[in-house]
Structures are given as C-alpha cells and as structure tokens.
N, C-alpha and C. Protein backbone atom coordinates (compact mmCIF):
# COMPACT_ATOMS: atom_id res chain seq x y z
N MET A 1 -38.05 112.84 -21.93
CA MET A 1 -39.36 112.60 -22.50
C MET A 1 -39.54 113.39 -23.83
N TRP A 2 -39.15 114.21 -24.07
CA TRP A 2 -39.38 115.25 -25.28
C TRP A 2 -38.62 114.77 -26.18
N ASP A 3 -37.30 114.49 -25.77
CA ASP A 3 -37.09 113.25 -27.32
C ASP A 3 -37.59 112.65 -27.35
N TRP A 4 -38.63 111.66 -27.13
CA TRP A 4 -39.47 111.00 -28.08
C TRP A 4 -40.38 111.53 -29.04
N PHE A 5 -41.08 112.72 -27.88
CA PHE A 5 -41.71 113.09 -29.00
C PHE A 5 -41.13 113.96 -30.39
N LYS A 6 -40.06 114.11 -29.88
CA LYS A 6 -39.26 115.57 -31.20
C LYS A 6 -38.89 114.23 -32.62
N THR A 7 -39.41 113.01 -32.07
CA THR A 7 -39.19 112.08 -33.33
C THR A 7 -40.22 111.76 -33.75
N LEU A 8 -41.23 112.47 -33.68
CA LEU A 8 -42.44 111.77 -34.19
C LEU A 8 -42.04 112.90 -35.29
N ASN A 9 -43.52 112.23 -36.37
CA ASN A 9 -43.64 113.15 -37.53
C ASN A 9 -44.77 114.35 -37.01
N TRP A 10 -44.48 115.22 -37.89
CA TRP A 10 -45.54 116.62 -37.79
C TRP A 10 -47.19 115.61 -37.15
N TYR A 11 -47.46 115.19 -38.12
CA TYR A 11 -49.17 115.07 -37.96
C TYR A 11 -48.79 113.97 -36.69
N GLU A 12 -48.07 113.20 -36.06
CA GLU A 12 -48.31 112.36 -35.17
C GLU A 12 -48.35 113.40 -33.99
N GLN A 13 -47.45 114.30 -33.60
CA GLN A 13 -47.55 115.21 -32.74
C GLN A 13 -48.42 115.94 -32.55
N ILE A 14 -49.32 116.40 -33.41
CA ILE A 14 -50.83 117.33 -33.60
C ILE A 14 -51.40 116.26 -33.22
N LEU A 15 -51.99 115.03 -33.20
CA LEU A 15 -52.70 114.24 -32.93
C LEU A 15 -52.49 113.31 -31.34
N TRP A 16 -51.45 113.28 -31.05
CA TRP A 16 -50.95 113.10 -29.38
C TRP A 16 -51.16 114.48 -28.98
N LEU A 17 -51.09 115.88 -29.35
CA LEU A 17 -51.52 117.35 -28.62
C LEU A 17 -53.54 116.74 -28.52
N VAL A 18 -53.53 117.08 -29.56
CA VAL A 18 -54.89 116.83 -29.34
C VAL A 18 -55.94 115.83 -28.89
N SER A 19 -55.40 114.51 -28.82
CA SER A 19 -55.50 113.33 -27.80
C SER A 19 -55.30 114.02 -26.49
N ILE A 20 -54.18 114.19 -26.15
CA ILE A 20 -54.26 114.28 -24.77
C ILE A 20 -54.82 115.75 -24.09
N VAL A 21 -55.08 116.82 -24.31
CA VAL A 21 -55.82 118.21 -24.08
C VAL A 21 -56.78 117.75 -24.58
N ALA A 22 -57.76 116.97 -25.58
CA ALA A 22 -58.92 116.87 -25.23
C ALA A 22 -59.53 115.96 -24.43
N THR A 23 -58.59 114.85 -23.74
CA THR A 23 -59.04 114.01 -22.82
C THR A 23 -58.64 114.68 -21.45
N LEU A 24 -58.16 115.39 -21.53
CA LEU A 24 -58.11 116.12 -19.80
C LEU A 24 -59.41 116.94 -20.13
N ILE A 25 -59.47 117.74 -20.83
CA ILE A 25 -61.01 118.56 -21.04
C ILE A 25 -62.30 117.52 -20.84
N PHE A 26 -62.33 116.51 -21.25
CA PHE A 26 -63.48 115.78 -21.09
C PHE A 26 -63.20 114.79 -19.53
N PHE A 27 -62.76 114.77 -19.13
CA PHE A 27 -62.70 114.30 -17.45
C PHE A 27 -62.63 114.99 -16.64
N SER A 28 -62.08 116.48 -17.11
CA SER A 28 -62.30 117.67 -15.90
C SER A 28 -64.45 118.16 -16.49
N GLN A 29 -64.46 117.82 -17.56
CA GLN A 29 -65.73 117.96 -17.78
C GLN A 29 -67.14 116.76 -16.95
N ILE A 30 -66.35 115.41 -16.86
CA ILE A 30 -67.05 114.63 -16.10
C ILE A 30 -67.09 114.90 -14.86
N ALA A 31 -65.69 114.88 -14.38
CA ALA A 31 -65.63 115.49 -12.85
C ALA A 31 -66.46 116.77 -12.17
N SER A 32 -66.62 117.71 -12.97
CA SER A 32 -67.46 118.88 -12.55
C SER A 32 -68.78 118.69 -12.49
N THR A 33 -69.34 117.82 -13.98
CA THR A 33 -70.81 116.65 -13.93
C THR A 33 -71.21 116.34 -12.73
N VAL A 34 -69.95 115.49 -11.85
CA VAL A 34 -70.26 114.70 -10.98
C VAL A 34 -70.53 116.10 -9.74
N ILE A 35 -69.31 116.86 -9.62
CA ILE A 35 -68.92 117.51 -8.18
C ILE A 35 -70.58 118.14 -8.09
N LYS A 36 -71.05 119.37 -9.39
CA LYS A 36 -71.80 120.02 -9.04
C LYS A 36 -73.14 119.50 -8.83
N LYS A 37 -74.05 120.49 -8.21
CA LYS A 37 -75.60 120.22 -8.24
C LYS A 37 -76.35 120.65 -8.82
N THR A 38 -76.01 121.62 -9.64
CA THR A 38 -76.88 122.04 -10.56
C THR A 38 -77.62 121.13 -11.82
N PRO A 39 -78.81 121.21 -12.45
CA PRO A 39 -78.88 120.05 -13.14
C PRO A 39 -78.30 120.71 -14.60
N ASP A 40 -78.08 119.76 -15.49
CA ASP A 40 -77.54 119.79 -17.05
C ASP A 40 -78.56 120.62 -17.70
N LYS A 41 -78.00 121.30 -18.86
CA LYS A 41 -79.36 122.11 -19.72
C LYS A 41 -80.09 121.24 -19.87
N LYS A 42 -81.30 121.30 -20.10
CA LYS A 42 -82.08 120.76 -21.05
C LYS A 42 -82.25 120.42 -22.57
N ARG A 43 -82.49 119.18 -23.06
CA ARG A 43 -82.06 119.44 -24.40
C ARG A 43 -83.22 118.70 -25.25
N LYS A 44 -84.52 119.17 -26.24
CA LYS A 44 -85.26 118.55 -26.18
C LYS A 44 -85.46 117.29 -27.35
N TYR A 45 -84.09 117.95 -28.36
CA TYR A 45 -84.08 116.86 -29.33
C TYR A 45 -82.46 115.79 -29.35
N ILE A 46 -82.88 115.20 -29.91
CA ILE A 46 -81.20 113.94 -29.28
C ILE A 46 -80.26 114.60 -30.56
N PHE A 47 -80.89 115.33 -32.00
CA PHE A 47 -79.35 116.04 -31.99
C PHE A 47 -78.87 117.30 -31.41
N SER A 48 -79.28 117.92 -30.67
CA SER A 48 -79.22 119.40 -30.07
C SER A 48 -77.78 118.56 -29.03
N ASN A 49 -78.12 117.34 -28.71
CA ASN A 49 -77.33 116.40 -27.45
C ASN A 49 -76.09 116.29 -28.49
N PHE A 50 -76.11 116.06 -29.68
CA PHE A 50 -75.16 116.02 -30.23
C PHE A 50 -74.07 116.77 -30.63
N LEU A 51 -74.19 117.79 -30.42
CA LEU A 51 -73.56 118.62 -30.72
C LEU A 51 -73.33 119.60 -29.40
N ALA A 52 -73.32 119.25 -28.57
CA ALA A 52 -73.33 119.65 -26.56
C ALA A 52 -71.89 119.35 -26.54
N PHE A 53 -71.13 120.23 -25.95
CA PHE A 53 -69.79 120.52 -25.93
C PHE A 53 -69.14 119.27 -25.08
N LYS A 54 -69.51 118.98 -24.14
CA LYS A 54 -69.00 117.62 -23.73
C LYS A 54 -69.14 116.46 -24.90
N ASN A 55 -69.57 116.54 -25.92
CA ASN A 55 -69.76 115.70 -26.75
C ASN A 55 -68.65 115.87 -28.31
N ILE A 56 -68.31 116.76 -28.08
CA ILE A 56 -67.41 117.16 -29.19
C ILE A 56 -65.83 117.03 -28.80
N THR A 57 -65.84 117.18 -27.20
CA THR A 57 -64.57 117.41 -26.51
C THR A 57 -64.25 115.74 -26.84
N ALA A 58 -65.48 114.80 -26.41
CA ALA A 58 -65.31 113.48 -26.34
C ALA A 58 -65.16 112.96 -28.16
N PHE A 59 -65.56 113.56 -29.12
CA PHE A 59 -65.02 113.28 -30.33
C PHE A 59 -64.14 113.37 -30.61
N PHE A 60 -63.29 114.17 -30.27
CA PHE A 60 -61.71 114.75 -30.28
C PHE A 60 -60.56 113.79 -29.84
N SER A 61 -61.10 113.38 -28.27
CA SER A 61 -60.36 112.50 -27.41
C SER A 61 -60.37 111.13 -28.12
N MET A 62 -61.32 111.23 -28.57
CA MET A 62 -61.58 109.43 -29.68
C MET A 62 -61.10 109.26 -30.87
N PHE A 63 -61.11 110.36 -31.48
CA PHE A 63 -60.47 110.85 -32.54
C PHE A 63 -59.58 110.49 -32.43
N GLY A 64 -58.81 111.41 -31.58
CA GLY A 64 -57.27 111.42 -31.97
C GLY A 64 -56.32 110.18 -31.46
N TRP A 65 -57.29 109.23 -30.07
CA TRP A 65 -56.82 108.56 -29.72
C TRP A 65 -56.62 106.89 -30.58
N VAL A 66 -57.61 107.23 -30.79
CA VAL A 66 -57.84 105.71 -32.31
C VAL A 66 -57.27 105.97 -33.59
N THR A 67 -56.54 106.93 -33.44
CA THR A 67 -56.02 107.45 -35.22
C THR A 67 -54.64 106.87 -34.49
N ILE A 68 -54.21 107.28 -33.76
CA ILE A 68 -52.82 107.03 -33.56
C ILE A 68 -52.70 105.70 -33.34
N SER A 69 -53.35 105.42 -32.45
CA SER A 69 -53.78 103.47 -32.65
C SER A 69 -53.73 103.13 -33.98
N SER A 70 -54.30 103.27 -34.92
CA SER A 70 -54.19 102.77 -35.95
C SER A 70 -53.20 103.01 -37.02
N LEU A 71 -52.35 104.34 -36.14
CA LEU A 71 -51.55 104.46 -37.00
C LEU A 71 -49.93 103.25 -37.25
N TYR A 72 -50.31 103.35 -35.31
CA TYR A 72 -49.11 102.53 -35.19
C TYR A 72 -49.44 101.20 -35.29
N GLN A 73 -50.76 100.90 -35.81
CA GLN A 73 -50.89 99.01 -36.14
C GLN A 73 -50.65 98.58 -37.66
N GLY A 74 -50.53 100.03 -38.35
CA GLY A 74 -49.59 100.06 -39.62
C GLY A 74 -50.56 100.23 -40.70
N PHE A 75 -51.73 100.87 -40.53
CA PHE A 75 -52.78 101.84 -41.56
C PHE A 75 -52.10 102.84 -41.34
N ASN A 76 -52.30 103.31 -42.94
CA ASN A 76 -51.79 104.69 -43.66
C ASN A 76 -52.57 105.43 -43.10
N TYR A 77 -52.10 106.94 -43.57
CA TYR A 77 -52.21 107.94 -42.55
C TYR A 77 -53.78 108.30 -43.14
N SER A 78 -54.47 108.14 -44.06
CA SER A 78 -55.41 108.51 -44.70
C SER A 78 -56.49 107.34 -44.01
N SER A 79 -56.24 106.48 -44.31
CA SER A 79 -56.97 105.21 -43.36
C SER A 79 -57.46 105.56 -41.73
N ALA A 80 -56.39 105.63 -41.15
CA ALA A 80 -55.78 106.05 -39.77
C ALA A 80 -56.90 107.19 -39.51
N ILE A 81 -57.28 108.41 -40.63
CA ILE A 81 -58.05 109.13 -40.30
C ILE A 81 -59.31 109.20 -40.54
N ILE A 82 -59.67 108.37 -41.08
CA ILE A 82 -61.17 107.44 -41.29
C ILE A 82 -61.45 106.82 -40.58
N ILE A 83 -60.87 106.31 -40.06
CA ILE A 83 -61.36 105.22 -38.55
C ILE A 83 -61.57 106.25 -37.22
N GLY A 84 -60.72 106.92 -37.19
CA GLY A 84 -60.38 108.21 -36.26
C GLY A 84 -61.56 108.88 -36.35
N ILE A 85 -62.13 109.43 -37.32
CA ILE A 85 -63.25 110.24 -37.35
C ILE A 85 -65.01 109.25 -37.57
N LEU A 86 -64.44 108.31 -37.63
CA LEU A 86 -65.64 107.74 -38.25
C LEU A 86 -66.04 106.91 -36.35
N SER A 87 -65.02 106.48 -35.53
CA SER A 87 -64.94 106.10 -34.53
C SER A 87 -65.98 107.73 -33.38
N GLY A 88 -65.12 108.99 -33.71
CA GLY A 88 -65.76 109.81 -32.91
C GLY A 88 -67.08 109.61 -33.27
N LEU A 89 -67.23 109.75 -34.22
CA LEU A 89 -68.31 110.05 -34.81
C LEU A 89 -70.23 108.58 -33.99
N ILE A 90 -69.20 108.10 -33.82
CA ILE A 90 -70.20 106.70 -33.41
C ILE A 90 -70.15 106.95 -32.09
N LEU A 91 -68.83 107.46 -31.46
CA LEU A 91 -69.07 107.76 -29.66
C LEU A 91 -70.01 108.91 -29.90
N MET A 92 -70.34 110.03 -30.20
CA MET A 92 -70.64 110.95 -30.44
C MET A 92 -72.62 110.78 -30.49
N GLY A 93 -72.77 109.99 -31.47
CA GLY A 93 -74.01 109.27 -31.74
C GLY A 93 -74.76 108.74 -30.15
N VAL A 94 -73.90 107.69 -30.04
CA VAL A 94 -73.94 106.99 -28.12
C VAL A 94 -74.05 107.99 -27.45
N MET A 95 -73.29 108.72 -27.71
CA MET A 95 -73.79 109.65 -26.11
C MET A 95 -74.59 110.55 -26.11
N SER A 96 -75.03 111.31 -27.50
CA SER A 96 -76.16 111.97 -27.50
C SER A 96 -77.73 110.60 -26.99
N VAL A 97 -77.61 109.90 -27.51
CA VAL A 97 -78.82 109.26 -27.57
C VAL A 97 -79.03 108.78 -25.63
N LEU A 98 -77.60 108.44 -25.52
CA LEU A 98 -77.47 108.40 -23.64
C LEU A 98 -77.66 109.39 -22.79
N PHE A 99 -77.45 110.56 -23.25
CA PHE A 99 -77.58 112.06 -22.45
C PHE A 99 -79.31 112.19 -22.81
N TYR A 100 -80.18 112.37 -23.88
CA TYR A 100 -81.34 112.13 -24.12
C TYR A 100 -82.26 111.48 -23.70
N PHE A 101 -81.70 110.10 -23.41
CA PHE A 101 -82.69 109.07 -22.63
C PHE A 101 -82.28 108.94 -21.10
N THR A 102 -81.29 109.58 -20.72
CA THR A 102 -81.30 110.13 -19.27
C THR A 102 -81.58 110.72 -18.96
N GLN A 103 -82.32 112.03 -19.76
CA GLN A 103 -82.67 113.22 -19.80
C GLN A 103 -84.51 112.64 -19.09
N LYS A 104 -84.81 111.98 -20.15
CA LYS A 104 -86.08 111.42 -20.39
C LYS A 104 -86.38 110.66 -18.99
N LEU A 105 -85.06 109.95 -18.37
CA LEU A 105 -85.69 109.31 -16.65
C LEU A 105 -86.37 110.21 -16.07
N LYS A 106 -85.12 111.27 -16.02
CA LYS A 106 -84.82 112.48 -15.20
C LYS A 106 -86.50 112.85 -14.85
N GLU A 107 -86.97 113.34 -16.33
CA GLU A 107 -88.17 114.19 -16.08
C GLU A 107 -89.53 112.99 -15.59
N ASN A 108 -89.24 112.09 -15.77
CA ASN A 108 -90.54 111.34 -15.50
C ASN A 108 -90.47 110.24 -13.99
N GLU A 109 -89.18 110.34 -13.40
CA GLU A 109 -89.03 110.05 -11.87
C GLU A 109 -89.96 110.64 -11.01
N ALA A 110 -90.37 109.70 -10.07
CA ALA A 110 -91.42 109.94 -8.66
C ALA A 110 -90.60 110.81 -8.17
N PRO A 111 -91.70 111.90 -7.84
CA PRO A 111 -91.51 113.32 -7.05
C PRO A 111 -91.51 112.81 -5.82
N GLU A 112 -90.62 113.75 -5.20
CA GLU A 112 -90.32 113.97 -3.82
C GLU A 112 -91.59 114.73 -3.26
N SER A 113 -92.48 114.29 -2.30
CA SER A 113 -93.70 115.12 -2.13
C SER A 113 -93.65 116.10 -1.05
N PRO A 114 -92.62 116.23 0.13
CA PRO A 114 -92.81 117.19 1.00
C PRO A 114 -91.97 118.66 0.29
N GLN A 115 -91.15 118.01 -1.18
CA GLN A 115 -90.46 119.75 -1.50
C GLN A 115 -91.52 119.78 -2.55
N ASP A 116 -92.19 119.41 -2.95
CA ASP A 116 -93.31 119.41 -4.05
C ASP A 116 -93.99 120.34 -3.97
N ILE A 117 -94.68 119.85 -2.85
CA ILE A 117 -96.07 120.88 -2.12
C ILE A 117 -95.89 122.45 -2.08
N ASN A 118 -96.59 123.27 -3.35
CA ASN A 118 -96.64 124.71 -3.38
C ASN A 118 -95.90 125.18 -4.39
N SER A 119 -95.46 123.97 -5.44
CA SER A 119 -94.75 124.51 -6.38
C SER A 119 -95.92 124.94 -7.30
N THR A 120 -95.49 125.49 -8.07
CA THR A 120 -95.89 126.18 -9.27
C THR A 120 -95.85 125.87 -10.84
N GLY A 121 -97.05 125.83 -11.38
CA GLY A 121 -96.79 125.35 -12.85
C GLY A 121 -97.89 125.43 -13.32
N GLU A 122 -98.10 124.96 -14.51
CA GLU A 122 -99.23 124.79 -15.26
C GLU A 122 -99.98 123.62 -15.90
N VAL A 123 -101.17 123.94 -16.22
CA VAL A 123 -102.19 122.83 -16.93
C VAL A 123 -101.97 122.38 -18.46
N ILE A 124 -101.63 121.24 -18.50
CA ILE A 124 -100.85 120.98 -20.13
C ILE A 124 -101.86 120.01 -21.10
N ILE A 125 -102.93 119.39 -20.27
CA ILE A 125 -103.71 118.89 -20.45
C ILE A 125 -104.89 118.60 -19.57
N ASP A 126 -106.12 118.96 -19.93
CA ASP A 126 -106.81 119.23 -18.93
C ASP A 126 -107.25 118.02 -17.59
N ILE A 127 -107.92 118.60 -16.52
CA ILE A 127 -108.07 118.42 -15.62
C ILE A 127 -109.76 118.28 -14.95
N GLY A 128 -110.06 117.47 -14.76
CA GLY A 128 -111.46 117.23 -14.40
C GLY A 128 -111.91 117.54 -12.68
N LYS A 129 -113.47 118.10 -12.88
CA LYS A 129 -113.62 118.84 -11.73
C LYS A 129 -113.55 117.56 -10.55
N LYS A 130 -113.52 118.01 -9.03
CA LYS A 130 -113.66 117.36 -8.04
C LYS A 130 -112.88 115.57 -8.35
N ARG A 131 -111.68 115.46 -8.53
CA ARG A 131 -110.55 114.34 -9.06
C ARG A 131 -111.97 113.51 -10.23
N SER A 132 -112.39 113.59 -10.85
CA SER A 132 -113.60 112.59 -12.46
C SER A 132 -112.33 112.44 -13.48
N SER A 133 -111.24 112.89 -13.57
CA SER A 133 -110.51 112.68 -14.38
C SER A 133 -108.83 113.75 -14.01
N SER A 134 -108.09 112.69 -14.47
CA SER A 134 -106.82 113.21 -14.37
C SER A 134 -106.48 113.98 -15.95
N GLY A 135 -105.28 115.03 -15.43
CA GLY A 135 -104.98 115.67 -16.22
C GLY A 135 -102.80 115.46 -16.40
N LYS A 136 -102.34 116.33 -17.21
CA LYS A 136 -101.12 116.54 -16.93
C LYS A 136 -100.70 118.39 -16.51
N ILE A 137 -99.86 118.38 -15.91
CA ILE A 137 -99.25 119.65 -15.49
C ILE A 137 -98.27 119.86 -15.70
N LYS A 138 -97.22 120.85 -15.86
CA LYS A 138 -95.85 120.76 -15.88
C LYS A 138 -95.47 121.66 -14.77
N ILE A 139 -94.38 121.88 -14.39
CA ILE A 139 -93.87 122.13 -12.42
C ILE A 139 -92.24 122.15 -12.58
N LYS A 140 -92.00 123.09 -11.72
CA LYS A 140 -90.74 123.25 -11.96
C LYS A 140 -90.28 122.39 -10.65
N ILE A 141 -89.27 121.62 -10.29
CA ILE A 141 -89.13 120.47 -9.85
C ILE A 141 -87.38 120.66 -9.94
N ASP A 142 -86.49 120.98 -8.50
CA ASP A 142 -84.94 120.60 -8.81
C ASP A 142 -84.50 121.05 -9.86
N GLY A 143 -84.88 122.37 -10.40
CA GLY A 143 -84.27 123.37 -11.13
C GLY A 143 -84.60 122.81 -12.63
N GLY A 144 -85.65 122.22 -12.74
CA GLY A 144 -86.11 121.63 -14.46
C GLY A 144 -87.75 121.58 -14.03
N HIS A 145 -88.04 121.43 -15.53
CA HIS A 145 -89.66 121.08 -15.51
C HIS A 145 -89.88 119.91 -15.85
N LYS A 146 -90.65 119.30 -15.28
CA LYS A 146 -91.37 118.29 -15.24
C LYS A 146 -92.61 118.17 -15.59
N ILE A 147 -93.50 116.50 -16.22
CA ILE A 147 -94.61 116.83 -16.76
C ILE A 147 -95.19 115.90 -15.59
N MET A 148 -96.23 116.19 -14.85
CA MET A 148 -96.40 115.28 -13.67
C MET A 148 -98.56 114.54 -14.15
N ASP A 149 -98.79 113.86 -13.42
CA ASP A 149 -99.85 113.55 -13.70
C ASP A 149 -100.53 114.45 -12.42
N ALA A 150 -102.05 114.83 -12.44
CA ALA A 150 -102.51 115.80 -11.50
C ALA A 150 -104.18 115.54 -11.66
N MET A 151 -104.65 115.38 -10.48
CA MET A 151 -106.38 115.64 -10.06
C MET A 151 -106.18 117.03 -9.53
N THR A 152 -107.66 117.67 -9.18
CA THR A 152 -107.96 118.22 -8.63
C THR A 152 -109.09 118.05 -7.74
N ASP A 153 -109.49 118.83 -6.59
CA ASP A 153 -110.97 119.19 -5.74
C ASP A 153 -112.11 120.13 -6.32
N PHE A 154 -111.17 120.54 -6.49
CA PHE A 154 -111.66 121.84 -7.10
C PHE A 154 -113.43 121.73 -7.90
N ASP A 155 -114.23 122.62 -7.99
CA ASP A 155 -115.94 122.76 -8.64
C ASP A 155 -115.53 122.94 -9.81
N HIS A 156 -114.82 122.80 -10.65
CA HIS A 156 -114.83 122.98 -12.10
C HIS A 156 -113.77 122.00 -12.79
N ASP A 157 -113.68 122.19 -14.18
CA ASP A 157 -112.68 121.28 -14.99
C ASP A 157 -111.45 122.72 -14.63
N VAL A 158 -110.44 122.40 -14.67
CA VAL A 158 -108.89 123.11 -14.51
C VAL A 158 -108.96 122.76 -16.03
N LYS A 159 -108.64 123.97 -16.91
CA LYS A 159 -108.62 123.84 -18.68
C LYS A 159 -106.90 124.23 -18.66
N LYS A 160 -106.61 123.52 -19.86
CA LYS A 160 -105.16 123.67 -20.43
C LYS A 160 -104.42 124.95 -20.51
N GLY A 161 -103.73 125.49 -19.65
CA GLY A 161 -103.22 127.09 -19.92
C GLY A 161 -102.97 127.54 -18.30
N THR A 162 -103.99 127.21 -17.39
CA THR A 162 -104.67 127.59 -16.03
C THR A 162 -103.10 127.33 -15.16
N LYS A 163 -102.59 128.38 -14.44
CA LYS A 163 -101.57 128.70 -13.96
C LYS A 163 -102.20 127.96 -12.64
N ILE A 164 -101.53 127.02 -11.60
CA ILE A 164 -101.71 125.91 -10.70
C ILE A 164 -100.34 126.01 -9.51
N ARG A 165 -101.31 125.99 -8.55
CA ARG A 165 -100.35 125.59 -7.26
C ARG A 165 -100.39 123.63 -6.62
N VAL A 166 -99.33 123.18 -6.19
CA VAL A 166 -99.37 122.12 -5.91
C VAL A 166 -99.85 121.98 -4.36
N GLU A 167 -101.22 121.34 -3.92
CA GLU A 167 -101.54 120.95 -2.70
C GLU A 167 -100.73 119.92 -2.08
N SER A 168 -100.98 118.75 -2.67
CA SER A 168 -100.38 117.40 -2.02
C SER A 168 -100.11 116.76 -2.95
N VAL A 169 -99.74 115.48 -2.30
CA VAL A 169 -99.22 114.56 -3.51
C VAL A 169 -99.81 113.55 -2.86
N THR A 170 -100.04 112.57 -3.55
CA THR A 170 -100.82 111.12 -3.54
C THR A 170 -99.47 110.33 -3.10
N SER A 171 -99.74 109.13 -2.33
CA SER A 171 -98.88 108.33 -2.40
C SER A 171 -98.63 107.68 -3.50
N ASN A 172 -99.51 107.68 -4.70
CA ASN A 172 -98.61 107.06 -6.05
C ASN A 172 -98.42 108.19 -6.80
N GLY A 173 -98.32 109.22 -6.07
CA GLY A 173 -97.33 110.21 -7.37
C GLY A 173 -98.08 111.02 -8.09
N ILE A 174 -99.39 111.44 -7.81
CA ILE A 174 -100.37 111.88 -8.53
C ILE A 174 -100.62 113.45 -7.92
N PHE A 175 -100.33 114.25 -8.55
CA PHE A 175 -100.48 115.92 -8.03
C PHE A 175 -101.40 116.62 -7.57
N ILE A 176 -102.37 117.04 -6.74
CA ILE A 176 -103.04 117.70 -6.38
C ILE A 176 -102.80 118.77 -6.36
N ILE A 177 -104.06 119.32 -7.23
CA ILE A 177 -103.38 120.95 -7.39
C ILE A 177 -104.89 121.68 -7.47
N LYS A 178 -104.20 122.96 -6.95
CA LYS A 178 -105.53 123.69 -7.02
C LYS A 178 -104.94 125.57 -7.96
N PRO A 179 -105.70 125.67 -8.79
CA PRO A 179 -105.63 126.97 -10.06
C PRO A 179 -105.15 128.15 -8.76
N MET A 180 -104.55 128.73 -9.74
CA MET A 180 -104.38 129.94 -8.75
C MET A 180 -104.85 131.13 -9.33
N GLN A 181 -105.36 132.45 -8.10
CA GLN A 181 -106.50 133.59 -8.74
C GLN A 181 -105.42 134.11 -9.56
C-alpha cells in the first residue's frame, strides 16, 4: 500500500493526507452530533455558521477530494486547486444556510407542555391583561432560548423586560404566564 503512496508527487501526498484526515474528523463530528444529547451552539447569523469548526473540516474534506479528482481527470495543478477551493467554499455556504435554518426551525417548534410548565423567562413584547392581547416571551427550553407566544390572566399588562414563570400551555401552544415577584 505504501508503495503506491510513495509514487505520488509531494503535492498529491499532501492532498491525500488532508482529504483522509479531514474526512475522518468530519465523520467523527457527525457521529458525535447524532449521539450527544446536548444542543448545538446557537449562532445568530449565517456567517457565524460559515466559520464553524464542522464547516471548516467539511471544506478541507471537499477541497482535498475534488482537487485529487480534478488532477486525475487531467486538469493542471493550479486549475485543480481553484476548483477544489471553489467546491469547498460552495459546500461551506450550503452547510451554513442549512445550519442556520435548522436552528430557526428548532426555535419555532411547538412546545411540549408538561416539561415547559414552571419554566422561567422574560417578556420581549408586552402582554395584555386578562388575555386581552398576546405578546412574546423568551424562555429556556431544552437547553436553548426560544421565543414563544404568551398571554396572562394577571390583572394588569405585563411589560417588556418583566421576568415571568410559565403557568400552563394552551392546546394551540400559547403560554399562559405569571409575572415573578
């Protein structure tokens, strides 16, 4: 096996090593993401997903394999490198967008009421008294902050910035909250 590797040019050897190592790291990251129970880091902007470690390892994996493939298809070294870099950047862009919108879906998914009761949070859009108008709250669910619709049975409006506790969740997923004293 090593005889084959020794016959390669120095840059082909480097590309093979980069490709194999980056692919192994990337697959171990995917496996750990599937196995672990804790949520991923919350990233507010698409660009912050672009520079995530998982994305960088995916770039090197894609870059290496596409560059090797381009070389074996007859492209010269500089063209193969350019094609590899472009392919890696496209993959990073696609993965950034997927990470971002997957995170957005997780933030907006319907709550599971039994575990959400007694959760604490904060009002971010004013809530009308005695369920006169709904507002928005930010609470911690499953290790991450989520923005949810909320109403109150309290005798006065609950203003933005007020700390709250969830009393119940309606059948359509609206949180009934009470201001904390």
